[in-house]
Amino acid sequence: MSSAQTPRSAETPGTTSPTGTERQTAAGKVLWHFTMSLDGFVAGPDHSVDWMEGTSLRPGLVDEYAGTTGAVLGGRDGWDAFPDPGGLYGGRWRGPVFVLTNHPEDAKPTDGVTFLCCDVAEAVRVGLEAAGGKNLEVLSASIGRQLLQRGLIDEIALHVAPVLLGDGIRLFDNPGGAPVRLELLGGDTPSAAVDVRYRPVPAG
């Protein structure tokens, strides 16, 4: 579970969301939330997140998500890479964290963190109850895929960083499967493509 679902870099004053999507609300949603590279990776090899450094965000975005999140659900691999719940949203969020694992017996006890060994649907039930009407934020690619397959994801929130990683942990892998159709929230047309334009930054 990466502690950097949104980058820790400073928010850029005077900017707005390029897609015009509506602001996040606390509505008891199961929210799959990540910063993602342009080529679809949410973490680099070994869950590295240093590639997010220097990415700017619109004003208020970090506080917006910190204020609407009631609980967090992550996976064991991500937790082992970033075993610090205090790092979530750069320390601006405090609340119950749940880590889904097949071997909770060897997890180091941590204040505010509950290690679950159960079905993903049960983990969502527990997390939503703990969220107290706010959103349950899913910070795991593998758990998110399972929940999406079962129809248990209410919303996917992504912040696309201007970087191509080429390797790491993808948000979604489904070889041989059917496409999963999505609707754009807050746009003029639910099926609209999101336009982005970048130019390569010279090396060095």
N, C-alpha and C. Protein backbone atom coordinates (compact mmCIF):
# COMPACT_ATOMS: atom_id res chain seq x y z
N MET A 1 0.85 -1.19 0.00
CA MET A 1 0.00 0.00 0.00
C MET A 1 0.88 1.23 0.00
N SER A 2 0.94 1.91 -1.12
CA SER A 2 1.79 3.08 -1.21
C SER A 2 1.24 4.23 -0.38
N SER A 3 2.15 4.95 0.26
CA SER A 3 1.72 6.12 1.02
C SER A 3 1.56 7.32 0.12
N ALA A 4 1.77 7.15 -1.17
CA ALA A 4 1.75 8.29 -2.08
C ALA A 4 0.69 8.10 -3.16
N GLN A 5 -0.53 7.82 -2.75
CA GLN A 5 -1.61 7.72 -3.74
C GLN A 5 -1.85 9.06 -4.41
N THR A 6 -1.49 10.15 -3.74
CA THR A 6 -1.32 11.44 -4.40
C THR A 6 0.09 11.90 -4.08
N PRO A 7 0.76 12.55 -5.02
CA PRO A 7 2.15 12.94 -4.77
C PRO A 7 2.29 13.85 -3.57
N ARG A 8 3.46 13.83 -2.96
CA ARG A 8 3.73 14.69 -1.81
C ARG A 8 4.19 16.08 -2.23
N SER A 9 4.38 16.28 -3.53
CA SER A 9 4.88 17.56 -4.01
C SER A 9 3.84 18.65 -3.79
N ALA A 10 4.29 19.88 -3.88
CA ALA A 10 3.42 21.03 -3.59
C ALA A 10 2.33 21.17 -4.64
N GLU A 11 1.19 21.65 -4.18
CA GLU A 11 0.11 21.94 -5.11
C GLU A 11 0.43 23.24 -5.84
N THR A 12 0.02 23.32 -7.10
CA THR A 12 0.34 24.47 -7.93
C THR A 12 -0.78 25.49 -7.87
N PRO A 13 -0.51 26.70 -7.36
CA PRO A 13 -1.56 27.72 -7.26
C PRO A 13 -2.10 28.10 -8.64
N GLY A 14 -3.38 28.40 -8.67
CA GLY A 14 -3.98 28.96 -9.87
C GLY A 14 -4.31 27.96 -10.95
N THR A 15 -4.20 26.66 -10.68
CA THR A 15 -4.52 25.68 -11.71
C THR A 15 -5.85 25.03 -11.39
N THR A 16 -6.49 24.52 -12.41
CA THR A 16 -7.75 23.81 -12.24
C THR A 16 -7.62 22.43 -12.85
N SER A 17 -8.58 21.58 -12.56
CA SER A 17 -8.56 20.24 -13.11
C SER A 17 -8.68 20.31 -14.62
N PRO A 18 -7.75 19.72 -15.40
CA PRO A 18 -7.79 19.83 -16.86
C PRO A 18 -8.99 19.11 -17.47
N THR A 19 -9.56 18.18 -16.76
CA THR A 19 -10.70 17.44 -17.31
C THR A 19 -12.02 18.02 -16.86
N GLY A 20 -12.01 18.97 -15.92
CA GLY A 20 -13.25 19.55 -15.43
C GLY A 20 -14.05 18.60 -14.56
N THR A 21 -13.42 17.56 -14.04
CA THR A 21 -14.15 16.61 -13.21
C THR A 21 -14.53 17.25 -11.89
N GLU A 22 -15.63 16.79 -11.34
CA GLU A 22 -16.15 17.40 -10.12
C GLU A 22 -15.29 17.02 -8.92
N ARG A 23 -15.37 17.83 -7.88
CA ARG A 23 -14.58 17.60 -6.67
C ARG A 23 -15.07 16.36 -5.95
N GLN A 24 -14.16 15.75 -5.21
CA GLN A 24 -14.50 14.51 -4.49
C GLN A 24 -15.44 14.82 -3.33
N THR A 25 -16.37 13.92 -3.09
CA THR A 25 -17.32 14.07 -1.98
C THR A 25 -17.24 12.85 -1.07
N ALA A 26 -17.59 13.05 0.19
CA ALA A 26 -17.65 11.95 1.14
C ALA A 26 -19.06 11.39 1.13
N ALA A 27 -19.23 10.27 0.45
CA ALA A 27 -20.58 9.73 0.28
C ALA A 27 -20.63 8.22 0.52
N GLY A 28 -19.72 7.72 1.35
CA GLY A 28 -19.71 6.28 1.64
C GLY A 28 -19.37 5.44 0.43
N LYS A 29 -18.50 5.97 -0.43
CA LYS A 29 -18.13 5.26 -1.65
C LYS A 29 -16.94 4.34 -1.42
N VAL A 30 -16.86 3.30 -2.25
CA VAL A 30 -15.65 2.49 -2.36
C VAL A 30 -14.87 3.11 -3.50
N LEU A 31 -13.78 3.78 -3.16
CA LEU A 31 -13.05 4.63 -4.09
C LEU A 31 -11.68 4.03 -4.38
N TRP A 32 -11.45 3.69 -5.63
CA TRP A 32 -10.14 3.18 -6.07
C TRP A 32 -9.33 4.38 -6.52
N HIS A 33 -8.30 4.74 -5.79
CA HIS A 33 -7.64 6.04 -5.93
C HIS A 33 -6.14 5.89 -6.07
N PHE A 34 -5.59 6.46 -7.15
CA PHE A 34 -4.15 6.40 -7.38
C PHE A 34 -3.68 7.59 -8.20
N THR A 35 -2.41 7.94 -8.02
CA THR A 35 -1.69 8.68 -9.04
C THR A 35 -1.11 7.65 -9.99
N MET A 36 -1.24 7.90 -11.29
CA MET A 36 -0.86 6.91 -12.30
C MET A 36 0.03 7.55 -13.35
N SER A 37 1.01 6.81 -13.84
CA SER A 37 1.82 7.30 -14.95
C SER A 37 0.98 7.30 -16.22
N LEU A 38 1.44 8.02 -17.22
CA LEU A 38 0.69 8.12 -18.47
C LEU A 38 0.52 6.75 -19.13
N ASP A 39 1.46 5.83 -18.89
CA ASP A 39 1.34 4.50 -19.48
C ASP A 39 0.71 3.48 -18.54
N GLY A 40 0.03 3.94 -17.49
CA GLY A 40 -0.84 3.06 -16.73
C GLY A 40 -0.25 2.37 -15.52
N PHE A 41 0.89 2.84 -15.02
CA PHE A 41 1.48 2.23 -13.83
C PHE A 41 1.18 3.08 -12.60
N VAL A 42 0.83 2.42 -11.49
CA VAL A 42 0.57 3.13 -10.23
C VAL A 42 1.74 3.02 -9.26
N ALA A 43 2.70 2.22 -9.60
CA ALA A 43 3.95 2.12 -8.83
C ALA A 43 5.01 1.56 -9.77
N GLY A 44 6.25 1.90 -9.48
CA GLY A 44 7.34 1.35 -10.25
C GLY A 44 7.73 -0.02 -9.72
N PRO A 45 8.81 -0.60 -10.22
CA PRO A 45 9.28 -1.89 -9.70
C PRO A 45 9.50 -1.81 -8.19
N ASP A 46 9.15 -2.88 -7.48
CA ASP A 46 9.29 -2.95 -6.02
C ASP A 46 8.48 -1.85 -5.33
N HIS A 47 7.36 -1.46 -5.93
CA HIS A 47 6.46 -0.44 -5.38
C HIS A 47 7.12 0.94 -5.25
N SER A 48 8.13 1.22 -6.04
CA SER A 48 8.79 2.53 -5.95
C SER A 48 7.83 3.63 -6.38
N VAL A 49 7.92 4.77 -5.71
CA VAL A 49 7.05 5.92 -6.02
C VAL A 49 7.86 7.21 -6.20
N ASP A 50 9.18 7.09 -6.31
CA ASP A 50 9.99 8.29 -6.44
C ASP A 50 9.70 9.04 -7.74
N TRP A 51 9.12 8.36 -8.71
CA TRP A 51 8.78 8.99 -9.99
C TRP A 51 7.67 10.04 -9.84
N MET A 52 6.97 10.04 -8.71
CA MET A 52 5.91 11.03 -8.49
C MET A 52 6.47 12.38 -8.05
N GLU A 53 7.71 12.41 -7.59
CA GLU A 53 8.29 13.66 -7.09
C GLU A 53 8.29 14.72 -8.19
N GLY A 54 7.89 15.93 -7.84
CA GLY A 54 7.87 17.02 -8.79
C GLY A 54 6.55 17.17 -9.53
N THR A 55 5.63 16.22 -9.34
CA THR A 55 4.32 16.33 -9.98
C THR A 55 3.46 17.32 -9.20
N SER A 56 2.91 18.30 -9.86
CA SER A 56 2.08 19.30 -9.19
C SER A 56 0.61 18.91 -9.25
N LEU A 57 -0.13 19.39 -8.28
CA LEU A 57 -1.56 19.09 -8.16
C LEU A 57 -2.34 20.38 -8.11
N ARG A 58 -3.63 20.29 -8.44
CA ARG A 58 -4.44 21.50 -8.34
C ARG A 58 -4.61 21.89 -6.86
N PRO A 59 -4.81 23.16 -6.58
CA PRO A 59 -4.92 23.62 -5.20
C PRO A 59 -6.05 22.90 -4.45
N GLY A 60 -5.74 22.48 -3.23
CA GLY A 60 -6.75 21.88 -2.37
C GLY A 60 -7.02 20.42 -2.60
N LEU A 61 -6.38 19.79 -3.60
CA LEU A 61 -6.72 18.41 -3.91
C LEU A 61 -6.38 17.46 -2.77
N VAL A 62 -5.21 17.60 -2.18
CA VAL A 62 -4.80 16.69 -1.10
C VAL A 62 -5.76 16.81 0.08
N ASP A 63 -6.07 18.04 0.49
CA ASP A 63 -7.00 18.23 1.60
C ASP A 63 -8.40 17.71 1.25
N GLU A 64 -8.77 17.86 -0.01
CA GLU A 64 -10.08 17.39 -0.47
C GLU A 64 -10.23 15.88 -0.26
N TYR A 65 -9.22 15.13 -0.66
CA TYR A 65 -9.28 13.68 -0.51
C TYR A 65 -9.06 13.25 0.94
N ALA A 66 -8.18 13.95 1.63
CA ALA A 66 -7.97 13.62 3.04
C ALA A 66 -9.25 13.84 3.85
N GLY A 67 -10.00 14.88 3.50
CA GLY A 67 -11.21 15.19 4.24
C GLY A 67 -12.39 14.30 3.92
N THR A 68 -12.36 13.62 2.77
CA THR A 68 -13.48 12.76 2.38
C THR A 68 -13.21 11.28 2.59
N THR A 69 -12.02 10.95 3.06
CA THR A 69 -11.64 9.56 3.29
C THR A 69 -11.90 9.18 4.74
N GLY A 70 -12.67 8.10 4.95
CA GLY A 70 -12.95 7.64 6.30
C GLY A 70 -12.10 6.48 6.73
N ALA A 71 -11.67 5.66 5.77
CA ALA A 71 -10.83 4.50 6.06
C ALA A 71 -10.10 4.11 4.78
N VAL A 72 -9.03 3.36 4.95
CA VAL A 72 -8.19 2.95 3.83
C VAL A 72 -8.05 1.43 3.84
N LEU A 73 -8.13 0.83 2.65
CA LEU A 73 -7.92 -0.61 2.48
C LEU A 73 -6.77 -0.82 1.51
N GLY A 74 -5.76 -1.55 1.94
CA GLY A 74 -4.61 -1.83 1.09
C GLY A 74 -4.23 -3.29 1.14
N GLY A 75 -3.21 -3.63 0.37
CA GLY A 75 -2.72 -5.01 0.31
C GLY A 75 -1.41 -5.17 1.04
N ARG A 76 -1.01 -6.41 1.23
CA ARG A 76 0.17 -6.71 2.03
C ARG A 76 1.47 -6.29 1.34
N ASP A 77 1.58 -6.50 0.04
CA ASP A 77 2.82 -6.13 -0.65
C ASP A 77 3.08 -4.63 -0.53
N GLY A 78 2.05 -3.83 -0.74
CA GLY A 78 2.20 -2.40 -0.62
C GLY A 78 2.51 -1.98 0.81
N TRP A 79 1.86 -2.63 1.77
CA TRP A 79 2.12 -2.31 3.18
C TRP A 79 3.56 -2.63 3.55
N ASP A 80 4.05 -3.77 3.10
CA ASP A 80 5.44 -4.14 3.42
C ASP A 80 6.43 -3.15 2.81
N ALA A 81 6.07 -2.56 1.67
CA ALA A 81 6.95 -1.57 1.05
C ALA A 81 6.88 -0.23 1.76
N PHE A 82 5.69 0.12 2.31
CA PHE A 82 5.49 1.42 2.98
C PHE A 82 4.70 1.20 4.27
N PRO A 83 5.35 0.65 5.31
CA PRO A 83 4.63 0.32 6.55
C PRO A 83 4.50 1.51 7.49
N ASP A 84 3.92 2.60 6.99
CA ASP A 84 3.78 3.81 7.81
C ASP A 84 2.46 4.49 7.48
N PRO A 85 1.43 4.25 8.27
CA PRO A 85 0.14 4.90 7.99
C PRO A 85 0.19 6.42 8.14
N GLY A 86 1.18 6.93 8.86
CA GLY A 86 1.31 8.37 9.03
C GLY A 86 1.73 9.09 7.76
N GLY A 87 2.15 8.34 6.74
CA GLY A 87 2.57 8.96 5.49
C GLY A 87 1.43 9.21 4.53
N LEU A 88 0.23 8.72 4.84
CA LEU A 88 -0.89 8.90 3.93
C LEU A 88 -1.23 10.37 3.78
N TYR A 89 -1.33 10.83 2.55
CA TYR A 89 -1.60 12.23 2.24
C TYR A 89 -0.60 13.15 2.93
N GLY A 90 0.64 12.72 2.96
CA GLY A 90 1.68 13.55 3.55
C GLY A 90 1.46 13.86 5.01
N GLY A 91 0.73 12.97 5.71
CA GLY A 91 0.46 13.16 7.13
C GLY A 91 -0.79 13.97 7.41
N ARG A 92 -1.54 14.34 6.38
CA ARG A 92 -2.74 15.16 6.59
C ARG A 92 -3.98 14.32 6.93
N TRP A 93 -3.84 13.01 6.89
CA TRP A 93 -4.99 12.15 7.18
C TRP A 93 -4.66 11.18 8.31
N ARG A 94 -5.62 10.97 9.19
CA ARG A 94 -5.53 9.96 10.24
C ARG A 94 -6.84 9.20 10.28
N GLY A 95 -6.77 7.90 10.40
CA GLY A 95 -7.97 7.09 10.45
C GLY A 95 -7.64 5.62 10.40
N PRO A 96 -8.65 4.76 10.39
CA PRO A 96 -8.42 3.32 10.39
C PRO A 96 -7.87 2.82 9.05
N VAL A 97 -6.84 2.02 9.12
CA VAL A 97 -6.22 1.41 7.94
C VAL A 97 -6.38 -0.10 8.05
N PHE A 98 -6.81 -0.72 6.95
CA PHE A 98 -6.98 -2.17 6.90
C PHE A 98 -6.06 -2.73 5.82
N VAL A 99 -5.34 -3.78 6.18
CA VAL A 99 -4.43 -4.43 5.25
C VAL A 99 -4.90 -5.86 5.07
N LEU A 100 -5.27 -6.20 3.83
CA LEU A 100 -5.75 -7.54 3.52
C LEU A 100 -4.55 -8.44 3.21
N THR A 101 -4.45 -9.56 3.93
CA THR A 101 -3.29 -10.42 3.80
C THR A 101 -3.66 -11.87 4.06
N ASN A 102 -2.95 -12.77 3.41
CA ASN A 102 -3.15 -14.21 3.64
C ASN A 102 -2.37 -14.71 4.85
N HIS A 103 -1.48 -13.88 5.36
CA HIS A 103 -0.65 -14.32 6.49
C HIS A 103 -0.52 -13.18 7.51
N PRO A 104 -1.60 -12.89 8.22
CA PRO A 104 -1.55 -11.80 9.21
C PRO A 104 -0.67 -12.12 10.42
N GLU A 105 -0.39 -13.39 10.62
CA GLU A 105 0.36 -13.78 11.83
C GLU A 105 1.78 -13.24 11.84
N ASP A 106 2.36 -12.93 10.67
CA ASP A 106 3.73 -12.42 10.67
C ASP A 106 3.79 -10.91 10.41
N ALA A 107 2.65 -10.25 10.51
CA ALA A 107 2.62 -8.79 10.34
C ALA A 107 2.96 -8.10 11.67
N LYS A 108 3.77 -7.07 11.61
CA LYS A 108 4.15 -6.34 12.81
C LYS A 108 2.98 -5.47 13.26
N PRO A 109 2.52 -5.61 14.50
CA PRO A 109 1.41 -4.78 15.00
C PRO A 109 1.74 -3.29 14.89
N THR A 110 0.78 -2.53 14.39
CA THR A 110 0.96 -1.10 14.18
C THR A 110 -0.30 -0.37 14.63
N ASP A 111 -0.15 0.69 15.40
CA ASP A 111 -1.31 1.45 15.87
C ASP A 111 -2.15 1.93 14.70
N GLY A 112 -3.45 1.72 14.78
CA GLY A 112 -4.36 2.19 13.76
C GLY A 112 -4.49 1.29 12.56
N VAL A 113 -3.76 0.18 12.54
CA VAL A 113 -3.76 -0.73 11.39
C VAL A 113 -4.31 -2.08 11.81
N THR A 114 -5.28 -2.57 11.06
CA THR A 114 -5.87 -3.89 11.30
C THR A 114 -5.56 -4.79 10.12
N PHE A 115 -4.98 -5.94 10.40
CA PHE A 115 -4.66 -6.91 9.35
C PHE A 115 -5.81 -7.90 9.22
N LEU A 116 -6.38 -7.96 8.02
CA LEU A 116 -7.54 -8.80 7.76
C LEU A 116 -7.14 -10.01 6.93
N CYS A 117 -7.72 -11.14 7.25
CA CYS A 117 -7.56 -12.35 6.44
C CYS A 117 -8.98 -12.84 6.13
N CYS A 118 -9.52 -12.36 5.01
CA CYS A 118 -10.90 -12.66 4.68
C CYS A 118 -11.12 -12.42 3.19
N ASP A 119 -12.35 -12.63 2.73
CA ASP A 119 -12.71 -12.33 1.36
C ASP A 119 -12.70 -10.82 1.14
N VAL A 120 -12.43 -10.39 -0.11
CA VAL A 120 -12.36 -8.95 -0.37
C VAL A 120 -13.69 -8.25 -0.10
N ALA A 121 -14.80 -8.94 -0.34
CA ALA A 121 -16.11 -8.33 -0.08
C ALA A 121 -16.30 -8.07 1.41
N GLU A 122 -15.83 -8.99 2.23
CA GLU A 122 -15.92 -8.80 3.68
C GLU A 122 -15.00 -7.67 4.12
N ALA A 123 -13.82 -7.57 3.49
CA ALA A 123 -12.91 -6.48 3.81
C ALA A 123 -13.55 -5.13 3.50
N VAL A 124 -14.29 -5.05 2.41
CA VAL A 124 -14.99 -3.82 2.07
C VAL A 124 -16.09 -3.52 3.09
N ARG A 125 -16.81 -4.53 3.50
CA ARG A 125 -17.86 -4.32 4.50
C ARG A 125 -17.27 -3.75 5.78
N VAL A 126 -16.18 -4.34 6.25
CA VAL A 126 -15.52 -3.89 7.47
C VAL A 126 -15.01 -2.45 7.29
N GLY A 127 -14.38 -2.19 6.13
CA GLY A 127 -13.83 -0.87 5.88
C GLY A 127 -14.89 0.21 5.80
N LEU A 128 -16.00 -0.07 5.13
CA LEU A 128 -17.07 0.92 5.02
C LEU A 128 -17.69 1.22 6.37
N GLU A 129 -17.83 0.20 7.20
CA GLU A 129 -18.37 0.43 8.54
C GLU A 129 -17.46 1.35 9.34
N ALA A 130 -16.16 1.11 9.22
CA ALA A 130 -15.19 1.93 9.94
C ALA A 130 -15.11 3.35 9.37
N ALA A 131 -15.44 3.50 8.09
CA ALA A 131 -15.34 4.82 7.45
C ALA A 131 -16.40 5.78 7.94
N GLY A 132 -17.45 5.28 8.57
CA GLY A 132 -18.45 6.13 9.20
C GLY A 132 -19.16 7.08 8.25
N GLY A 133 -19.49 6.63 7.06
CA GLY A 133 -20.19 7.48 6.11
C GLY A 133 -19.30 8.20 5.12
N LYS A 134 -18.00 8.25 5.41
CA LYS A 134 -17.06 8.79 4.43
C LYS A 134 -16.64 7.67 3.47
N ASN A 135 -15.69 7.96 2.60
CA ASN A 135 -15.30 6.99 1.58
C ASN A 135 -14.28 5.99 2.12
N LEU A 136 -14.38 4.77 1.61
CA LEU A 136 -13.35 3.76 1.83
C LEU A 136 -12.41 3.82 0.64
N GLU A 137 -11.18 4.18 0.88
CA GLU A 137 -10.22 4.34 -0.20
C GLU A 137 -9.40 3.06 -0.38
N VAL A 138 -9.42 2.54 -1.59
CA VAL A 138 -8.70 1.31 -1.92
C VAL A 138 -7.37 1.70 -2.54
N LEU A 139 -6.28 1.37 -1.85
CA LEU A 139 -4.94 1.69 -2.31
C LEU A 139 -4.18 0.42 -2.66
N SER A 140 -4.76 -0.37 -3.53
CA SER A 140 -4.13 -1.62 -3.96
C SER A 140 -4.63 -1.94 -5.36
N ALA A 141 -3.70 -2.15 -6.27
CA ALA A 141 -4.09 -2.50 -7.64
C ALA A 141 -4.79 -3.85 -7.67
N SER A 142 -4.22 -4.83 -6.98
CA SER A 142 -4.79 -6.19 -7.04
C SER A 142 -6.15 -6.27 -6.36
N ILE A 143 -6.31 -5.61 -5.22
CA ILE A 143 -7.60 -5.62 -4.54
C ILE A 143 -8.62 -4.85 -5.37
N GLY A 144 -8.22 -3.73 -5.94
CA GLY A 144 -9.12 -2.96 -6.77
C GLY A 144 -9.64 -3.76 -7.95
N ARG A 145 -8.77 -4.55 -8.58
CA ARG A 145 -9.20 -5.37 -9.72
C ARG A 145 -10.24 -6.39 -9.29
N GLN A 146 -10.01 -7.01 -8.14
CA GLN A 146 -10.97 -8.00 -7.65
C GLN A 146 -12.32 -7.36 -7.34
N LEU A 147 -12.28 -6.18 -6.72
CA LEU A 147 -13.53 -5.49 -6.39
C LEU A 147 -14.25 -5.02 -7.64
N LEU A 148 -13.49 -4.57 -8.63
CA LEU A 148 -14.10 -4.15 -9.89
C LEU A 148 -14.81 -5.32 -10.57
N GLN A 149 -14.17 -6.48 -10.54
CA GLN A 149 -14.76 -7.68 -11.14
C GLN A 149 -16.07 -8.06 -10.46
N ARG A 150 -16.16 -7.79 -9.17
CA ARG A 150 -17.37 -8.13 -8.41
C ARG A 150 -18.40 -7.01 -8.36
N GLY A 151 -18.10 -5.90 -9.01
CA GLY A 151 -19.03 -4.79 -9.01
C GLY A 151 -19.06 -4.01 -7.71
N LEU A 152 -17.95 -4.01 -6.98
CA LEU A 152 -17.90 -3.38 -5.67
C LEU A 152 -17.13 -2.06 -5.65
N ILE A 153 -16.70 -1.58 -6.81
CA ILE A 153 -16.06 -0.27 -6.90
C ILE A 153 -17.09 0.76 -7.33
N ASP A 154 -17.24 1.81 -6.54
CA ASP A 154 -18.18 2.87 -6.89
C ASP A 154 -17.57 3.91 -7.81
N GLU A 155 -16.27 4.16 -7.63
CA GLU A 155 -15.64 5.24 -8.40
C GLU A 155 -14.14 4.99 -8.48
N ILE A 156 -13.56 5.36 -9.62
CA ILE A 156 -12.11 5.30 -9.82
C ILE A 156 -11.61 6.73 -9.96
N ALA A 157 -10.70 7.15 -9.10
CA ALA A 157 -10.14 8.51 -9.15
C ALA A 157 -8.65 8.40 -9.46
N LEU A 158 -8.24 9.00 -10.57
CA LEU A 158 -6.86 8.90 -11.02
C LEU A 158 -6.28 10.28 -11.27
N HIS A 159 -5.04 10.47 -10.88
CA HIS A 159 -4.29 11.68 -11.19
C HIS A 159 -3.15 11.25 -12.11
N VAL A 160 -3.20 11.65 -13.36
CA VAL A 160 -2.23 11.18 -14.35
C VAL A 160 -0.99 12.06 -14.31
N ALA A 161 0.12 11.43 -13.95
CA ALA A 161 1.39 12.16 -13.85
C ALA A 161 2.08 12.20 -15.22
N PRO A 162 2.78 13.29 -15.53
CA PRO A 162 3.44 13.42 -16.83
C PRO A 162 4.75 12.64 -16.87
N VAL A 163 4.63 11.31 -16.86
CA VAL A 163 5.81 10.45 -16.90
C VAL A 163 5.43 9.11 -17.51
N LEU A 164 6.36 8.51 -18.25
CA LEU A 164 6.20 7.16 -18.79
C LEU A 164 7.16 6.25 -18.02
N LEU A 165 6.64 5.26 -17.33
CA LEU A 165 7.49 4.38 -16.52
C LEU A 165 7.99 3.18 -17.30
N GLY A 166 7.10 2.52 -18.03
CA GLY A 166 7.52 1.36 -18.82
C GLY A 166 7.64 0.07 -18.04
N ASP A 167 7.57 0.15 -16.72
CA ASP A 167 7.70 -1.06 -15.90
C ASP A 167 7.14 -0.75 -14.52
N GLY A 168 6.64 -1.80 -13.84
CA GLY A 168 6.13 -1.61 -12.49
C GLY A 168 4.80 -2.31 -12.29
N ILE A 169 3.96 -1.71 -11.49
CA ILE A 169 2.66 -2.30 -11.14
C ILE A 169 1.57 -1.53 -11.87
N ARG A 170 0.87 -2.22 -12.74
CA ARG A 170 -0.19 -1.58 -13.52
C ARG A 170 -1.46 -1.44 -12.67
N LEU A 171 -2.23 -0.41 -12.98
CA LEU A 171 -3.52 -0.25 -12.33
C LEU A 171 -4.40 -1.45 -12.64
N PHE A 172 -4.43 -1.88 -13.90
CA PHE A 172 -5.38 -2.92 -14.31
C PHE A 172 -4.75 -3.83 -15.34
N ASP A 173 -4.77 -5.12 -15.06
CA ASP A 173 -4.36 -6.15 -16.00
C ASP A 173 -5.48 -7.15 -16.12
N ASN A 174 -5.85 -7.47 -17.35
CA ASN A 174 -6.93 -8.43 -17.57
C ASN A 174 -6.73 -9.13 -18.91
N PRO A 175 -5.61 -9.87 -19.07
CA PRO A 175 -5.32 -10.50 -20.36
C PRO A 175 -6.45 -11.43 -20.81
N GLY A 176 -6.90 -11.23 -22.03
CA GLY A 176 -7.95 -12.07 -22.57
C GLY A 176 -9.35 -11.72 -22.13
N GLY A 177 -9.47 -10.75 -21.21
CA GLY A 177 -10.78 -10.38 -20.70
C GLY A 177 -11.46 -9.32 -21.54
N ALA A 178 -12.72 -9.08 -21.26
CA ALA A 178 -13.47 -8.06 -21.98
C ALA A 178 -13.14 -6.68 -21.44
N PRO A 179 -13.23 -5.64 -22.26
CA PRO A 179 -13.00 -4.28 -21.77
C PRO A 179 -14.00 -3.91 -20.68
N VAL A 180 -13.55 -3.11 -19.73
CA VAL A 180 -14.42 -2.59 -18.68
C VAL A 180 -14.76 -1.15 -19.04
N ARG A 181 -16.01 -0.89 -19.35
CA ARG A 181 -16.42 0.45 -19.76
C ARG A 181 -16.62 1.35 -18.54
N LEU A 182 -16.22 2.61 -18.67
CA LEU A 182 -16.32 3.58 -17.59
C LEU A 182 -17.08 4.80 -18.06
N GLU A 183 -17.61 5.57 -17.11
CA GLU A 183 -18.25 6.84 -17.41
C GLU A 183 -17.45 7.97 -16.77
N LEU A 184 -17.21 9.02 -17.53
CA LEU A 184 -16.50 10.18 -17.03
C LEU A 184 -17.42 10.99 -16.13
N LEU A 185 -16.98 11.27 -14.92
CA LEU A 185 -17.78 12.06 -13.98
C LEU A 185 -17.45 13.54 -14.13
N GLY A 186 -18.49 14.35 -14.19
CA GLY A 186 -18.30 15.78 -14.24
C GLY A 186 -17.99 16.34 -15.61
N GLY A 187 -17.91 15.50 -16.62
CA GLY A 187 -17.66 15.99 -17.96
C GLY A 187 -18.96 16.25 -18.71
N ASP A 188 -18.84 16.82 -19.90
CA ASP A 188 -20.03 17.09 -20.70
C ASP A 188 -20.68 15.81 -21.23
N THR A 189 -19.84 14.81 -21.52
CA THR A 189 -20.33 13.55 -22.09
C THR A 189 -19.70 12.39 -21.33
N PRO A 190 -20.50 11.48 -20.78
CA PRO A 190 -19.94 10.38 -19.99
C PRO A 190 -18.94 9.51 -20.75
N SER A 191 -19.09 9.43 -22.08
CA SER A 191 -18.19 8.58 -22.87
C SER A 191 -17.05 9.35 -23.53
N ALA A 192 -16.87 10.61 -23.11
CA ALA A 192 -15.85 11.45 -23.74
C ALA A 192 -14.44 10.96 -23.41
N ALA A 193 -13.56 11.06 -24.39
CA ALA A 193 -12.14 10.82 -24.14
C ALA A 193 -11.56 12.03 -23.42
N VAL A 194 -10.54 11.80 -22.61
CA VAL A 194 -9.83 12.88 -21.92
C VAL A 194 -8.59 13.21 -22.72
N ASP A 195 -8.48 14.46 -23.14
CA ASP A 195 -7.36 14.87 -23.98
C ASP A 195 -6.20 15.35 -23.11
N VAL A 196 -5.01 14.83 -23.37
CA VAL A 196 -3.80 15.32 -22.71
C VAL A 196 -2.74 15.54 -23.77
N ARG A 197 -1.91 16.56 -23.57
CA ARG A 197 -0.84 16.87 -24.51
C ARG A 197 0.44 17.11 -23.71
N TYR A 198 1.49 16.40 -24.07
CA TYR A 198 2.77 16.54 -23.40
C TYR A 198 3.88 16.63 -24.45
N ARG A 199 5.01 17.15 -24.04
CA ARG A 199 6.22 17.05 -24.86
C ARG A 199 7.33 16.47 -24.00
N PRO A 200 8.23 15.67 -24.57
CA PRO A 200 9.31 15.07 -23.80
C PRO A 200 10.25 16.14 -23.23
N VAL A 201 10.69 15.93 -22.00
CA VAL A 201 11.66 16.80 -21.35
C VAL A 201 13.05 16.26 -21.67
N PRO A 202 13.94 17.08 -22.22
CA PRO A 202 15.28 16.60 -22.56
C PRO A 202 16.00 16.03 -21.34
N ALA A 203 16.70 14.92 -21.51
CA ALA A 203 17.44 14.29 -20.42
C ALA A 203 18.59 15.17 -19.97
N GLY A 204 18.89 15.10 -18.68
CA GLY A 204 20.02 15.84 -18.13
C GLY A 204 19.69 17.26 -17.77
